[in-house]
Amino acid sequence: MKNNGIRAIRTKKLVIRSMSRKGNCWDNAVAESFFKTLKVEHVYRQHIQTKQQTEIGIFQWIETWYNRQRRHSALGKLTICEFNNLNNIKNVA
């Protein structure tokens, strides 16, 4: 049943399915890198008590550290916020 719903959405062109060849890891490389970083830099260092505390901790890690302070080599050693601000200035000019 779930599959029929997905098929109906694709038929209406609301979603474009993205699949690469078998064994091609590039589609998931960015997501896998992010989750590895999240686990190593945050999750494994925490004493998890409740699901709510875990959700709040991950949200705070992403919003206060990952996006605003952590430098990313793929962005020329800029933070995500710096990179977005730089691109917004270029788009305005």
Protein backbone atom coordinates (compact mmCIF):
# COMPACT_ATOMS: atom_id res chain seq x y z
CA MET A 1 0.00 0.00 0.00
CA LYS A 2 2.78 2.41 0.89
CA ASN A 3 4.45 1.65 -2.44
CA ASN A 4 1.30 2.59 -4.38
CA GLY A 5 1.24 6.01 -2.69
CA ILE A 6 4.85 6.66 -3.66
CA ARG A 7 4.16 5.53 -7.21
CA ALA A 8 1.17 7.90 -7.41
CA ILE A 9 3.28 10.84 -6.22
CA ARG A 10 5.99 10.05 -8.79
CA THR A 11 3.37 9.73 -11.53
CA LYS A 12 2.12 13.25 -10.76
CA LYS A 13 5.75 14.50 -11.09
CA LEU A 14 5.79 15.83 -7.50
CA VAL A 15 8.94 13.86 -6.73
CA ILE A 16 11.85 12.86 -8.93
CA ARG A 17 13.45 9.60 -7.88
CA SER A 18 17.23 9.70 -7.78
CA MET A 19 19.05 6.42 -8.08
CA SER A 20 22.52 5.71 -9.29
CA ARG A 21 24.12 2.49 -10.36
CA LYS A 22 24.58 -0.33 -7.87
CA GLY A 23 27.69 0.25 -5.78
CA ASN A 24 27.91 3.98 -6.51
CA CYS A 25 28.48 5.57 -3.13
CA TRP A 26 28.46 9.22 -4.21
CA ASP A 27 24.72 9.77 -3.68
CA ASN A 28 25.02 9.22 0.07
CA ALA A 29 28.53 10.52 0.65
CA VAL A 30 27.47 13.92 2.06
CA ALA A 31 24.82 12.46 4.36
CA GLU A 32 27.12 9.68 5.55
CA SER A 33 29.88 12.19 6.27
CA PHE A 34 27.49 14.37 8.28
CA PHE A 35 26.19 11.47 10.37
CA LYS A 36 29.73 10.20 11.03
CA THR A 37 30.70 13.66 12.24
CA LEU A 38 27.56 13.90 14.38
CA LYS A 39 28.29 10.55 16.03
CA VAL A 40 32.00 11.15 16.62
CA GLU A 41 31.82 14.79 17.72
CA HIS A 42 28.58 14.67 19.70
CA VAL A 43 26.65 11.42 20.22
CA TYR A 44 29.52 9.23 21.44
CA ARG A 45 30.56 11.92 23.94
CA GLN A 46 27.14 12.14 25.59
CA HIS A 47 25.52 10.14 28.34
CA ILE A 48 22.08 9.63 26.82
CA GLN A 49 19.26 9.71 29.34
CA THR A 50 16.02 10.29 27.44
CA LYS A 51 14.92 10.57 23.81
CA GLN A 52 13.89 14.20 24.37
CA GLN A 53 17.31 15.12 25.80
CA THR A 54 18.96 13.40 22.83
CA GLU A 55 16.81 15.32 20.33
CA ILE A 56 17.49 18.65 22.06
CA GLY A 57 21.23 17.90 22.28
CA ILE A 58 21.49 17.02 18.59
CA PHE A 59 19.48 20.10 17.60
CA GLN A 60 21.72 22.33 19.72
CA TRP A 61 24.89 20.71 18.35
CA ILE A 62 23.77 21.31 14.77
CA GLU A 63 22.55 24.88 15.33
CA THR A 64 25.29 26.16 17.65
CA TRP A 65 28.36 24.22 16.57
CA TYR A 66 28.01 22.48 13.19
CA ASN A 67 26.36 25.36 11.31
CA ARG A 68 27.86 28.37 13.11
CA GLN A 69 31.36 27.50 14.36
CA ARG A 70 32.71 24.33 12.73
CA ARG A 71 34.89 24.99 9.70
CA HIS A 72 34.22 22.78 6.67
CA SER A 73 37.00 21.88 4.26
CA ALA A 74 34.52 21.49 1.38
CA LEU A 75 33.50 25.14 1.90
CA GLY A 76 37.02 26.55 1.84
CA LYS A 77 37.38 26.37 5.64
CA LEU A 78 34.29 28.56 6.16
CA THR A 79 31.43 27.80 8.50
CA ILE A 80 28.09 26.99 6.87
CA CYS A 81 26.72 30.37 7.99
CA GLU A 82 29.73 32.24 6.57
CA PHE A 83 29.40 30.35 3.29
CA ASN A 84 25.67 31.11 3.03
CA ASN A 85 26.21 34.79 3.87
CA LEU A 86 28.97 35.05 1.27
CA ASN A 87 26.73 33.49 -1.39
CA ASN A 88 23.80 35.74 -0.43
CA ILE A 89 26.01 38.80 -0.90
CA LYS A 90 27.16 37.53 -4.33
CA ASN A 91 23.55 36.88 -5.39
CA VAL A 92 22.48 40.41 -4.40
CA ALA A 93 25.36 42.10 -6.22
